[in-house]
Amino acid sequence: MKPIDLRSDTVTRPTPGMRKAMAEAEVGDDVFGEDPSVRRLEDRVADLLGFEAALFVPSGTMGNAIAIRVLTERGDEVLVERRSHVVRYELSAMSVLSGVMPRAVEAPDGHLTPAQVREAVAPPAYYKSDVSLVVLENTHNLAGGTVQDVAETRAVIAAARDAGFRVHVDGARIWNAAVALGEPPSALVAGADTVMTCLSKGLGCPVGSLVASSRERIERARRVRKLLGGGMRQSGILAAAGLWALDEAVDRLGEDHTRARRLGEALGRGRGVRATRPQTNIVVATLEDRPAPEVAAALAERGVLAIAMDARTLRLVTHRDVGDSDCTRAVEAIEATLG
């Protein structure tokens, strides 16, 4: 039987409707600013997130790198949760590309608190670096797809403003957070300087992310994108997938969240396993008795693909290509593997 792929929500294939939209896309040279589909996508996402403008980029990692480059000066520090994507999975890009250093702290459920922001404030001294930027991640990947709600987000951003810090939101899965909370995505990023959001995760597009901000910052971001080799030509073919997904794929994200809870409950019944109770589409389990790579290999033998995030952490992610029957098979494989 076909394996059930729970390694990530990036493994989806375009639906027939998405492929049709891509095939029929109106295109032009985006480096010249002449791709109408890209322009429509950028305007649409900027409006949905409550910003003046947005920029289409190849990946979320590039989007985060661009935002950090635009918001910082070389020698600055960036306050960030220690398990966040910009620290763990972006090859030290903030240091390599922007000359800044993360000040990583551990936060409950992966979300920085106002108190942690205030603690980052220090008297100025010419011989030490200072925090200039706070990065929030919503949903938080390694914490188990946890959601930072509107009140929490506003409180952290207000604390950052009081401290004179800028704020970037890594909103790769902000659509999942919005659906889980029943809030518009704009409410979850209000007051931030920049936000990055992905089309290739929960929304199921083959490629693409966007950075949203003020018009002035997006023009600076466009130059950084070019510097990083991210200028694309007839990328309207990709943008058309994003436009289709915004119409057709957002409302169904709650189905993924429900299936993730089933998987989390199954993992939680396993011997020597501590599993998160999923708020969205990510399940993270800490294995006390067996190495995570060993468990991932055992699940693969039973037709379920999961990913070992480190020696003791196993992650499963639900998505559009995993239905109820797949979820049932996955639960059976988890129970057979973990007891």
C-alpha atoms as a PDB file:
ATOM      1  CA  MET A   1       0.000   0.000   0.000  1.00  0.00           C
ATOM      2  CA  LYS A   2       1.064   3.584  -0.564  1.00  0.00           C
ATOM      3  CA  PRO A   3       2.957   4.939   2.476  1.00  0.00           C
ATOM      4  CA  ILE A   4       1.183   7.496   4.655  1.00  0.00           C
ATOM      5  CA  ASP A   5       3.561  10.438   4.587  1.00  0.00           C
ATOM      6  CA  LEU A   6       3.433  12.371   7.863  1.00  0.00           C
ATOM      7  CA  ARG A   7       6.939  13.810   7.665  1.00  0.00           C
ATOM      8  CA  SER A   8       5.667  17.295   6.820  1.00  0.00           C
ATOM      9  CA  ASP A   9       2.805  19.224   5.235  1.00  0.00           C
ATOM     10  CA  THR A  10       5.285  20.173   2.496  1.00  0.00           C
ATOM     11  CA  VAL A  11       4.928  16.747   0.809  1.00  0.00           C
ATOM     12  CA  THR A  12       1.519  17.420  -0.745  1.00  0.00           C
ATOM     13  CA  ARG A  13       0.917  17.258  -4.494  1.00  0.00           C
ATOM     14  CA  PRO A  14      -1.042  19.979  -6.322  1.00  0.00           C
ATOM     15  CA  THR A  15      -4.722  19.147  -6.721  1.00  0.00           C
ATOM     16  CA  PRO A  16      -6.328  19.070 -10.181  1.00  0.00           C
ATOM     17  CA  GLY A  17      -7.889  22.461  -9.482  1.00  0.00           C
ATOM     18  CA  MET A  18      -4.541  23.941  -8.500  1.00  0.00           C
ATOM     19  CA  ARG A  19      -2.834  22.443 -11.562  1.00  0.00           C
ATOM     20  CA  LYS A  20      -5.525  23.935 -13.781  1.00  0.00           C
ATOM     21  CA  ALA A  21      -5.021  27.369 -12.232  1.00  0.00           C
ATOM     22  CA  MET A  22      -1.266  27.086 -12.767  1.00  0.00           C
ATOM     23  CA  ALA A  23      -1.656  25.984 -16.385  1.00  0.00           C
ATOM     24  CA  GLU A  24      -3.937  28.925 -17.152  1.00  0.00           C
ATOM     25  CA  ALA A  25      -1.946  31.557 -15.229  1.00  0.00           C
ATOM     26  CA  GLU A  26      -1.372  34.945 -16.808  1.00  0.00           C
ATOM     27  CA  VAL A  27       2.380  35.564 -16.584  1.00  0.00           C
ATOM     28  CA  GLY A  28       5.126  38.094 -17.253  1.00  0.00           C
ATOM     29  CA  ASP A  29       8.697  38.784 -16.133  1.00  0.00           C
ATOM     30  CA  ASP A  30       8.497  39.344 -12.399  1.00  0.00           C
ATOM     31  CA  VAL A  31      12.024  40.776 -12.128  1.00  0.00           C
ATOM     32  CA  PHE A  32      10.719  43.590 -14.324  1.00  0.00           C
ATOM     33  CA  GLY A  33       7.597  43.759 -12.145  1.00  0.00           C
ATOM     34  CA  GLU A  34       5.456  42.569 -15.050  1.00  0.00           C
ATOM     35  CA  ASP A  35       3.854  39.348 -13.797  1.00  0.00           C
ATOM     36  CA  PRO A  36       0.163  40.091 -13.159  1.00  0.00           C
ATOM     37  CA  SER A  37      -0.472  36.882 -11.232  1.00  0.00           C
ATOM     38  CA  VAL A  38       2.374  37.643  -8.842  1.00  0.00           C
ATOM     39  CA  ARG A  39       1.098  41.204  -8.366  1.00  0.00           C
ATOM     40  CA  ARG A  40      -2.383  39.878  -7.552  1.00  0.00           C
ATOM     41  CA  LEU A  41      -0.999  37.377  -5.042  1.00  0.00           C
ATOM     42  CA  GLU A  42       1.168  39.996  -3.335  1.00  0.00           C
ATOM     43  CA  ASP A  43      -1.742  42.424  -3.059  1.00  0.00           C
ATOM     44  CA  ARG A  44      -4.054  39.699  -1.785  1.00  0.00           C
ATOM     45  CA  VAL A  45      -1.688  38.499   0.932  1.00  0.00           C
ATOM     46  CA  ALA A  46      -0.794  42.035   2.014  1.00  0.00           C
ATOM     47  CA  ASP A  47      -4.501  42.763   2.417  1.00  0.00           C
ATOM     48  CA  LEU A  48      -5.205  39.538   4.326  1.00  0.00           C
ATOM     49  CA  LEU A  49      -2.324  40.220   6.720  1.00  0.00           C
ATOM     50  CA  GLY A  50      -3.091  43.917   7.139  1.00  0.00           C
ATOM     51  CA  PHE A  51       0.067  45.358   5.543  1.00  0.00           C
ATOM     52  CA  GLU A  52       0.717  47.839   2.752  1.00  0.00           C
ATOM     53  CA  ALA A  53       2.648  45.486   0.480  1.00  0.00           C
ATOM     54  CA  ALA A  54       4.069  41.990   0.111  1.00  0.00           C
ATOM     55  CA  LEU A  55       6.855  40.261  -1.815  1.00  0.00           C
ATOM     56  CA  PHE A  56       6.719  36.761  -3.334  1.00  0.00           C
ATOM     57  CA  VAL A  57       9.847  34.724  -2.529  1.00  0.00           C
ATOM     58  CA  PRO A  58      10.884  31.128  -3.274  1.00  0.00           C
ATOM     59  CA  SER A  59      10.949  29.868   0.315  1.00  0.00           C
ATOM     60  CA  GLY A  60      10.131  30.662   3.928  1.00  0.00           C
ATOM     61  CA  THR A  61      13.793  30.477   4.872  1.00  0.00           C
ATOM     62  CA  MET A  62      14.593  33.171   2.313  1.00  0.00           C
ATOM     63  CA  GLY A  63      11.620  35.212   3.532  1.00  0.00           C
ATOM     64  CA  ASN A  64      12.876  35.127   7.125  1.00  0.00           C
ATOM     65  CA  ALA A  65      16.402  35.983   5.995  1.00  0.00           C
ATOM     66  CA  ILE A  66      15.151  38.964   3.998  1.00  0.00           C
ATOM     67  CA  ALA A  67      13.056  40.291   6.886  1.00  0.00           C
ATOM     68  CA  ILE A  68      15.932  40.008   9.364  1.00  0.00           C
ATOM     69  CA  ARG A  69      18.307  41.709   6.920  1.00  0.00           C
ATOM     70  CA  VAL A  70      15.872  44.599   6.408  1.00  0.00           C
ATOM     71  CA  LEU A  71      15.141  45.087  10.134  1.00  0.00           C
ATOM     72  CA  THR A  72      18.636  44.874  11.653  1.00  0.00           C
ATOM     73  CA  GLU A  73      22.146  46.320  11.516  1.00  0.00           C
ATOM     74  CA  ARG A  74      25.314  44.243  11.595  1.00  0.00           C
ATOM     75  CA  GLY A  75      26.359  43.500  15.168  1.00  0.00           C
ATOM     76  CA  ASP A  76      22.788  43.491  16.539  1.00  0.00           C
ATOM     77  CA  GLU A  77      21.226  40.669  18.529  1.00  0.00           C
ATOM     78  CA  VAL A  78      17.881  39.025  17.781  1.00  0.00           C
ATOM     79  CA  LEU A  79      15.711  37.830  20.657  1.00  0.00           C
ATOM     80  CA  VAL A  80      14.203  34.478  19.685  1.00  0.00           C
ATOM     81  CA  GLU A  81      12.890  31.276  21.267  1.00  0.00           C
ATOM     82  CA  ARG A  82      15.651  28.662  21.308  1.00  0.00           C
ATOM     83  CA  ARG A  83      13.692  26.008  19.356  1.00  0.00           C
ATOM     84  CA  SER A  84      12.481  28.379  16.663  1.00  0.00           C
ATOM     85  CA  HIS A  85      12.947  27.693  12.974  1.00  0.00           C
ATOM     86  CA  VAL A  86      15.302  30.652  12.427  1.00  0.00           C
ATOM     87  CA  VAL A  87      17.653  29.131  15.026  1.00  0.00           C
ATOM     88  CA  ARG A  88      17.378  25.409  14.327  1.00  0.00           C
ATOM     89  CA  TYR A  89      16.718  25.010  10.613  1.00  0.00           C
ATOM     90  CA  GLU A  90      18.113  27.956   8.664  1.00  0.00           C
ATOM     91  CA  LEU A  91      21.872  27.265   8.698  1.00  0.00           C
ATOM     92  CA  SER A  92      22.727  30.282  10.889  1.00  0.00           C
ATOM     93  CA  ALA A  93      21.428  32.514   8.087  1.00  0.00           C
ATOM     94  CA  MET A  94      20.942  35.534  10.334  1.00  0.00           C
ATOM     95  CA  SER A  95      24.632  35.468  11.238  1.00  0.00           C
ATOM     96  CA  VAL A  96      25.951  34.589   7.778  1.00  0.00           C
ATOM     97  CA  LEU A  97      23.747  36.940   5.754  1.00  0.00           C
ATOM     98  CA  SER A  98      22.936  39.781   8.159  1.00  0.00           C
ATOM     99  CA  GLY A  99      25.824  39.747  10.628  1.00  0.00           C
ATOM    100  CA  VAL A 100      23.524  39.449  13.648  1.00  0.00           C
ATOM    101  CA  MET A 101      23.473  36.970  16.498  1.00  0.00           C
ATOM    102  CA  PRO A 102      20.520  35.172  18.086  1.00  0.00           C
ATOM    103  CA  ARG A 103      19.875  35.665  21.787  1.00  0.00           C
ATOM    104  CA  ALA A 104      17.984  32.408  22.280  1.00  0.00           C
ATOM    105  CA  VAL A 105      15.794  31.868  25.347  1.00  0.00           C
ATOM    106  CA  GLU A 106      13.430  29.061  26.275  1.00  0.00           C
ATOM    107  CA  ALA A 107       9.777  30.003  26.405  1.00  0.00           C
ATOM    108  CA  PRO A 108       6.621  28.111  27.401  1.00  0.00           C
ATOM    109  CA  ASP A 109       5.011  26.456  24.360  1.00  0.00           C
ATOM    110  CA  GLY A 110       7.695  28.110  22.228  1.00  0.00           C
ATOM    111  CA  HIS A 111       6.193  31.593  22.524  1.00  0.00           C
ATOM    112  CA  LEU A 112       8.126  34.525  23.934  1.00  0.00           C
ATOM    113  CA  THR A 113       6.489  36.416  26.796  1.00  0.00           C
ATOM    114  CA  PRO A 114       6.402  40.151  27.526  1.00  0.00           C
ATOM    115  CA  ALA A 115       8.586  39.516  30.589  1.00  0.00           C
ATOM    116  CA  GLN A 116      11.286  37.914  28.433  1.00  0.00           C
ATOM    117  CA  VAL A 117      11.215  40.895  26.096  1.00  0.00           C
ATOM    118  CA  ARG A 118      11.598  43.313  29.013  1.00  0.00           C
ATOM    119  CA  GLU A 119      14.480  41.256  30.419  1.00  0.00           C
ATOM    120  CA  ALA A 120      16.356  41.765  27.130  1.00  0.00           C
ATOM    121  CA  VAL A 121      16.552  45.521  27.757  1.00  0.00           C
ATOM    122  CA  ALA A 122      19.933  46.642  29.091  1.00  0.00           C
ATOM    123  CA  PRO A 123      21.686  49.979  29.620  1.00  0.00           C
ATOM    124  CA  PRO A 124      23.574  50.966  26.454  1.00  0.00           C
ATOM    125  CA  ALA A 125      27.312  50.374  26.368  1.00  0.00           C
ATOM    126  CA  TYR A 126      29.550  50.817  23.340  1.00  0.00           C
ATOM    127  CA  TYR A 127      31.423  47.533  23.956  1.00  0.00           C
ATOM    128  CA  LYS A 128      28.469  45.109  23.800  1.00  0.00           C
ATOM    129  CA  SER A 129      25.800  44.145  21.306  1.00  0.00           C
ATOM    130  CA  ASP A 130      22.152  44.875  21.990  1.00  0.00           C
ATOM    131  CA  VAL A 131      18.867  43.332  20.944  1.00  0.00           C
ATOM    132  CA  SER A 132      17.168  45.254  18.153  1.00  0.00           C
ATOM    133  CA  LEU A 133      14.701  42.659  16.852  1.00  0.00           C
ATOM    134  CA  VAL A 134      12.262  40.134  18.319  1.00  0.00           C
ATOM    135  CA  VAL A 135      11.243  37.126  16.205  1.00  0.00           C
ATOM    136  CA  LEU A 136       7.975  35.331  16.993  1.00  0.00           C
ATOM    137  CA  GLU A 137       6.946  31.995  15.446  1.00  0.00           C
ATOM    138  CA  ASN A 138       3.239  31.240  15.061  1.00  0.00           C
ATOM    139  CA  THR A 139       2.496  28.378  14.925  1.00  0.00           C
ATOM    140  CA  HIS A 140       5.614  27.089  16.662  1.00  0.00           C
ATOM    141  CA  ASN A 141       6.946  24.042  14.850  1.00  0.00           C
ATOM    142  CA  LEU A 142       9.119  22.256  17.414  1.00  0.00           C
ATOM    143  CA  ALA A 143       6.817  23.047  20.316  1.00  0.00           C
ATOM    144  CA  GLY A 144       4.158  20.995  18.522  1.00  0.00           C
ATOM    145  CA  GLY A 145       2.339  23.479  16.316  1.00  0.00           C
ATOM    146  CA  THR A 146       1.348  25.617  19.288  1.00  0.00           C
ATOM    147  CA  VAL A 147      -0.634  28.791  18.702  1.00  0.00           C
ATOM    148  CA  GLN A 148       0.045  32.227  20.182  1.00  0.00           C
ATOM    149  CA  ASP A 149      -3.342  33.908  20.467  1.00  0.00           C
ATOM    150  CA  VAL A 150      -4.217  37.515  19.711  1.00  0.00           C
ATOM    151  CA  ALA A 151      -3.955  38.792  23.288  1.00  0.00           C
ATOM    152  CA  GLU A 152      -0.572  37.123  23.862  1.00  0.00           C
ATOM    153  CA  THR A 153       0.802  38.383  20.570  1.00  0.00           C
ATOM    154  CA  ARG A 154      -0.341  41.944  21.195  1.00  0.00           C
ATOM    155  CA  ALA A 155       1.204  41.912  24.669  1.00  0.00           C
ATOM    156  CA  VAL A 156       4.586  40.729  23.355  1.00  0.00           C
ATOM    157  CA  ILE A 157       4.584  43.242  20.501  1.00  0.00           C
ATOM    158  CA  ALA A 158       3.631  46.035  22.911  1.00  0.00           C
ATOM    159  CA  ALA A 159       6.537  45.073  25.179  1.00  0.00           C
ATOM    160  CA  ALA A 160       8.867  45.096  22.183  1.00  0.00           C
ATOM    161  CA  ARG A 161       7.643  48.538  21.156  1.00  0.00           C
ATOM    162  CA  ASP A 162       8.188  49.869  24.685  1.00  0.00           C
ATOM    163  CA  ALA A 163      11.737  48.501  24.540  1.00  0.00           C
ATOM    164  CA  GLY A 164      12.417  50.054  21.131  1.00  0.00           C
ATOM    165  CA  PHE A 165      12.701  46.652  19.416  1.00  0.00           C
ATOM    166  CA  ARG A 166      11.353  45.797  15.974  1.00  0.00           C
ATOM    167  CA  VAL A 167       9.250  42.640  15.491  1.00  0.00           C
ATOM    168  CA  HIS A 168       9.232  39.968  12.789  1.00  0.00           C
ATOM    169  CA  VAL A 169       6.648  37.174  12.794  1.00  0.00           C
ATOM    170  CA  ASP A 170       7.644  33.849  11.266  1.00  0.00           C
ATOM    171  CA  GLY A 171       4.097  32.973  10.267  1.00  0.00           C
ATOM    172  CA  ALA A 172       4.916  30.003   8.050  1.00  0.00           C
ATOM    173  CA  ARG A 173       1.725  28.365   9.330  1.00  0.00           C
ATOM    174  CA  ILE A 174      -0.191  31.513  10.296  1.00  0.00           C
ATOM    175  CA  TRP A 175      -3.185  30.182   8.332  1.00  0.00           C
ATOM    176  CA  ASN A 176      -3.332  27.185  10.674  1.00  0.00           C
ATOM    177  CA  ALA A 177      -3.153  29.485  13.685  1.00  0.00           C
ATOM    178  CA  ALA A 178      -5.947  31.679  12.327  1.00  0.00           C
ATOM    179  CA  VAL A 179      -8.247  28.708  11.670  1.00  0.00           C
ATOM    180  CA  ALA A 180      -7.504  27.158  15.083  1.00  0.00           C
ATOM    181  CA  LEU A 181      -8.376  30.424  16.851  1.00  0.00           C
ATOM    182  CA  GLY A 182     -11.219  31.498  14.570  1.00  0.00           C
ATOM    183  CA  GLU A 183      -9.430  34.814  14.006  1.00  0.00           C
ATOM    184  CA  PRO A 184      -8.399  36.644  10.829  1.00  0.00           C
ATOM    185  CA  PRO A 185      -4.656  36.257  10.192  1.00  0.00           C
ATOM    186  CA  SER A 186      -4.250  40.034  10.309  1.00  0.00           C
ATOM    187  CA  ALA A 187      -5.201  40.006  14.006  1.00  0.00           C
ATOM    188  CA  LEU A 188      -2.284  37.659  14.754  1.00  0.00           C
ATOM    189  CA  VAL A 189       0.362  39.919  13.217  1.00  0.00           C
ATOM    190  CA  ALA A 190      -1.038  43.388  13.954  1.00  0.00           C
ATOM    191  CA  GLY A 191       1.690  45.758  15.086  1.00  0.00           C
ATOM    192  CA  ALA A 192       4.598  43.695  13.734  1.00  0.00           C
ATOM    193  CA  ASP A 193       7.090  45.239  11.317  1.00  0.00           C
ATOM    194  CA  THR A 194       7.252  42.252   8.998  1.00  0.00           C
ATOM    195  CA  VAL A 195       5.650  38.842   8.623  1.00  0.00           C
ATOM    196  CA  MET A 196       6.617  35.848   6.523  1.00  0.00           C
ATOM    197  CA  THR A 197       4.020  33.272   5.531  1.00  0.00           C
ATOM    198  CA  CYS A 198       4.289  30.066   3.509  1.00  0.00           C
ATOM    199  CA  LEU A 199       2.079  28.736   0.741  1.00  0.00           C
ATOM    200  CA  SER A 200       3.887  25.384   0.527  1.00  0.00           C
ATOM    201  CA  LYS A 201       2.924  24.055   3.970  1.00  0.00           C
ATOM    202  CA  GLY A 202      -0.705  23.860   5.110  1.00  0.00           C
ATOM    203  CA  LEU A 203      -2.009  25.445   1.919  1.00  0.00           C
ATOM    204  CA  GLY A 204      -0.426  22.716  -0.196  1.00  0.00           C
ATOM    205  CA  CYS A 205       1.258  24.782  -2.923  1.00  0.00           C
ATOM    206  CA  PRO A 206       4.362  23.400  -4.639  1.00  0.00           C
ATOM    207  CA  VAL A 207       6.564  26.472  -4.025  1.00  0.00           C
ATOM    208  CA  GLY A 208       6.474  29.889  -2.457  1.00  0.00           C
ATOM    209  CA  SER A 209       6.262  32.209   0.529  1.00  0.00           C
ATOM    210  CA  LEU A 210       5.640  35.916   1.003  1.00  0.00           C
ATOM    211  CA  VAL A 211       7.050  38.703   3.147  1.00  0.00           C
ATOM    212  CA  ALA A 212       4.621  41.497   4.077  1.00  0.00           C
ATOM    213  CA  SER A 213       5.488  44.923   5.468  1.00  0.00           C
ATOM    214  CA  SER A 214       5.326  48.623   4.625  1.00  0.00           C
ATOM    215  CA  ARG A 215       5.852  49.664   1.008  1.00  0.00           C
ATOM    216  CA  GLU A 216       9.238  51.167   1.868  1.00  0.00           C
ATOM    217  CA  ARG A 217      10.496  47.998   3.525  1.00  0.00           C
ATOM    218  CA  ILE A 218       9.184  45.792   0.733  1.00  0.00           C
ATOM    219  CA  GLU A 219      11.164  47.816  -1.805  1.00  0.00           C
ATOM    220  CA  ARG A 220      14.267  47.215   0.312  1.00  0.00           C
ATOM    221  CA  ALA A 221      13.265  43.558   0.597  1.00  0.00           C
ATOM    222  CA  ARG A 222      13.063  43.321  -3.202  1.00  0.00           C
ATOM    223  CA  ARG A 223      16.731  44.339  -3.441  1.00  0.00           C
ATOM    224  CA  VAL A 224      17.730  41.771  -0.815  1.00  0.00           C
ATOM    225  CA  ARG A 225      15.762  39.083  -2.657  1.00  0.00           C
ATOM    226  CA  LYS A 226      17.774  39.873  -5.788  1.00  0.00           C
ATOM    227  CA  LEU A 227      21.004  39.808  -3.784  1.00  0.00           C
ATOM    228  CA  LEU A 228      20.148  36.310  -2.556  1.00  0.00           C
ATOM    229  CA  GLY A 229      19.323  35.066  -6.042  1.00  0.00           C
ATOM    230  CA  GLY A 230      15.588  34.986  -5.416  1.00  0.00           C
ATOM    231  CA  GLY A 231      14.425  36.989  -8.424  1.00  0.00           C
ATOM    232  CA  MET A 232      12.125  34.820 -10.540  1.00  0.00           C
ATOM    233  CA  ARG A 233      10.809  35.361 -14.042  1.00  0.00           C
ATOM    234  CA  GLN A 234       7.400  33.953 -15.108  1.00  0.00           C
ATOM    235  CA  SER A 235       6.625  33.007 -11.520  1.00  0.00           C
ATOM    236  CA  GLY A 236       2.936  33.695 -12.028  1.00  0.00           C
ATOM    237  CA  ILE A 237       2.631  29.947 -12.648  1.00  0.00           C
ATOM    238  CA  LEU A 238       3.540  29.498  -8.961  1.00  0.00           C
ATOM    239  CA  ALA A 239       1.589  32.521  -7.761  1.00  0.00           C
ATOM    240  CA  ALA A 240      -1.554  31.133  -9.384  1.00  0.00           C
ATOM    241  CA  ALA A 241      -1.309  28.102  -7.107  1.00  0.00           C
ATOM    242  CA  GLY A 242      -1.221  30.461  -4.121  1.00  0.00           C
ATOM    243  CA  LEU A 243      -4.250  32.413  -5.300  1.00  0.00           C
ATOM    244  CA  TRP A 244      -6.182  29.169  -5.777  1.00  0.00           C
ATOM    245  CA  ALA A 245      -5.141  27.919  -2.332  1.00  0.00           C
ATOM    246  CA  LEU A 246      -6.249  31.098  -0.572  1.00  0.00           C
ATOM    247  CA  ASP A 247      -9.713  30.533  -2.030  1.00  0.00           C
ATOM    248  CA  GLU A 248      -9.934  26.760  -1.657  1.00  0.00           C
ATOM    249  CA  ALA A 249      -7.504  25.461   0.971  1.00  0.00           C
ATOM    250  CA  VAL A 250      -7.739  27.637   4.081  1.00  0.00           C
ATOM    251  CA  ASP A 251     -11.146  26.630   5.412  1.00  0.00           C
ATOM    252  CA  ARG A 252     -10.315  22.907   5.355  1.00  0.00           C
ATOM    253  CA  LEU A 253      -7.268  23.242   7.648  1.00  0.00           C
ATOM    254  CA  GLY A 254      -9.429  22.353  10.648  1.00  0.00           C
ATOM    255  CA  GLU A 255      -9.711  18.809   9.244  1.00  0.00           C
ATOM    256  CA  ASP A 256      -5.931  18.447   9.564  1.00  0.00           C
ATOM    257  CA  HIS A 257      -6.089  19.674  13.147  1.00  0.00           C
ATOM    258  CA  THR A 258      -8.712  17.066  14.049  1.00  0.00           C
ATOM    259  CA  ARG A 259      -6.651  14.262  12.535  1.00  0.00           C
ATOM    260  CA  ALA A 260      -3.524  15.480  14.328  1.00  0.00           C
ATOM    261  CA  ARG A 261      -5.359  15.170  17.640  1.00  0.00           C
ATOM    262  CA  ARG A 262      -6.130  11.520  16.826  1.00  0.00           C
ATOM    263  CA  LEU A 263      -2.454  10.859  16.191  1.00  0.00           C
ATOM    264  CA  GLY A 264      -1.444  12.708  19.349  1.00  0.00           C
ATOM    265  CA  GLU A 265      -3.799  10.607  21.451  1.00  0.00           C
ATOM    266  CA  ALA A 266      -2.395   7.408  19.928  1.00  0.00           C
ATOM    267  CA  LEU A 267       1.187   8.479  20.585  1.00  0.00           C
ATOM    268  CA  GLY A 268       0.290   9.508  24.128  1.00  0.00           C
ATOM    269  CA  ARG A 269      -0.888   5.955  24.857  1.00  0.00           C
ATOM    270  CA  GLY A 270       2.496   4.520  23.892  1.00  0.00           C
ATOM    271  CA  ARG A 271       4.933   3.254  26.493  1.00  0.00           C
ATOM    272  CA  GLY A 272       7.551   5.825  27.477  1.00  0.00           C
ATOM    273  CA  VAL A 273       6.066   8.536  25.257  1.00  0.00           C
ATOM    274  CA  ARG A 274       5.152  12.129  26.094  1.00  0.00           C
ATOM    275  CA  ALA A 275       3.149  13.623  23.263  1.00  0.00           C
ATOM    276  CA  THR A 276       1.863  17.155  22.798  1.00  0.00           C
ATOM    277  CA  ARG A 277      -1.875  17.700  22.537  1.00  0.00           C
ATOM    278  CA  PRO A 278      -2.024  19.238  19.080  1.00  0.00           C
ATOM    279  CA  GLN A 279      -3.585  22.641  18.632  1.00  0.00           C
ATOM    280  CA  THR A 280      -3.034  22.555  14.888  1.00  0.00           C
ATOM    281  CA  ASN A 281      -1.561  19.990  12.469  1.00  0.00           C
ATOM    282  CA  ILE A 282       1.732  19.090  14.183  1.00  0.00           C
ATOM    283  CA  VAL A 283       2.294  16.338  16.749  1.00  0.00           C
ATOM    284  CA  VAL A 284       5.597  16.216  18.638  1.00  0.00           C
ATOM    285  CA  ALA A 285       6.430  13.256  20.871  1.00  0.00           C
ATOM    286  CA  THR A 286       9.346  12.826  23.266  1.00  0.00           C
ATOM    287  CA  LEU A 287      10.502   9.207  23.482  1.00  0.00           C
ATOM    288  CA  GLU A 288      11.974   8.189  26.820  1.00  0.00           C
ATOM    289  CA  ASP A 289      12.792   4.515  26.114  1.00  0.00           C
ATOM    290  CA  ARG A 290      13.758   4.300  22.427  1.00  0.00           C
ATOM    291  CA  PRO A 291      15.707   6.506  20.008  1.00  0.00           C
ATOM    292  CA  ALA A 292      13.472   8.517  17.703  1.00  0.00           C
ATOM    293  CA  PRO A 293      15.292   7.373  14.509  1.00  0.00           C
ATOM    294  CA  GLU A 294      14.644   3.759  15.524  1.00  0.00           C
ATOM    295  CA  VAL A 295      10.926   4.412  16.039  1.00  0.00           C
ATOM    296  CA  ALA A 296      10.700   6.328  12.745  1.00  0.00           C
ATOM    297  CA  ALA A 297      12.288   3.338  10.960  1.00  0.00           C
ATOM    298  CA  ALA A 298       9.857   0.927  12.637  1.00  0.00           C
ATOM    299  CA  LEU A 299       6.892   3.061  11.593  1.00  0.00           C
ATOM    300  CA  ALA A 300       8.220   3.199   8.029  1.00  0.00           C
ATOM    301  CA  GLU A 301       8.243  -0.598   7.928  1.00  0.00           C
ATOM    302  CA  ARG A 302       4.516  -0.420   8.721  1.00  0.00           C
ATOM    303  CA  GLY A 303       3.879   2.106   5.982  1.00  0.00           C
ATOM    304  CA  VAL A 304       3.898   5.337   8.016  1.00  0.00           C
ATOM    305  CA  LEU A 305       6.551   7.989   7.405  1.00  0.00           C
ATOM    306  CA  ALA A 306       7.447  10.211  10.369  1.00  0.00           C
ATOM    307  CA  ILE A 307      10.555  12.278  11.043  1.00  0.00           C
ATOM    308  CA  ALA A 308      13.049  12.156  13.902  1.00  0.00           C
ATOM    309  CA  MET A 309      13.782  15.776  14.794  1.00  0.00           C
ATOM    310  CA  ASP A 310      16.624  14.692  17.096  1.00  0.00           C
ATOM    311  CA  ALA A 311      17.616  11.641  19.125  1.00  0.00           C
ATOM    312  CA  ARG A 312      14.440  11.645  21.264  1.00  0.00           C
ATOM    313  CA  THR A 313      11.908  13.754  19.371  1.00  0.00           C
ATOM    314  CA  LEU A 314       9.480  12.376  16.810  1.00  0.00           C
ATOM    315  CA  ARG A 315       7.257  14.625  14.668  1.00  0.00           C
ATOM    316  CA  LEU A 316       4.154  13.824  12.644  1.00  0.00           C
ATOM    317  CA  VAL A 317       2.329  16.411  10.509  1.00  0.00           C
ATOM    318  CA  THR A 318      -1.124  16.058   8.988  1.00  0.00           C
ATOM    319  CA  HIS A 319      -2.067  17.644   5.680  1.00  0.00           C
ATOM    320  CA  ARG A 320      -4.483  17.589   2.769  1.00  0.00           C
ATOM    321  CA  ASP A 321      -3.190  14.275   1.376  1.00  0.00           C
ATOM    322  CA  VAL A 322      -3.879  12.384   4.619  1.00  0.00           C
ATOM    323  CA  GLY A 323      -7.541  11.379   5.011  1.00  0.00           C
ATOM    324  CA  ASP A 324      -9.482   9.686   7.794  1.00  0.00           C
ATOM    325  CA  SER A 325      -8.683   6.158   6.585  1.00  0.00           C
ATOM    326  CA  ASP A 326      -4.983   7.058   6.403  1.00  0.00           C
ATOM    327  CA  CYS A 327      -5.196   8.383   9.926  1.00  0.00           C
ATOM    328  CA  THR A 328      -6.748   5.104  11.102  1.00  0.00           C
ATOM    329  CA  ARG A 329      -3.909   3.130   9.503  1.00  0.00           C
ATOM    330  CA  ALA A 330      -1.371   5.455  11.112  1.00  0.00           C
ATOM    331  CA  VAL A 331      -2.940   4.992  14.554  1.00  0.00           C
ATOM    332  CA  GLU A 332      -2.756   1.208  14.126  1.00  0.00           C
ATOM    333  CA  ALA A 333       0.913   1.441  13.136  1.00  0.00           C
ATOM    334  CA  ILE A 334       1.686   3.677  16.117  1.00  0.00           C
ATOM    335  CA  GLU A 335      -0.013   1.267  18.517  1.00  0.00           C
ATOM    336  CA  ALA A 336       1.813  -1.729  17.015  1.00  0.00           C
ATOM    337  CA  THR A 337       5.157   0.074  17.217  1.00  0.00           C
ATOM    338  CA  LEU A 338       4.891   1.662  20.655  1.00  0.00           C
ATOM    339  CA  GLY A 339       2.614  -0.758  22.472  1.00  0.00           C
END
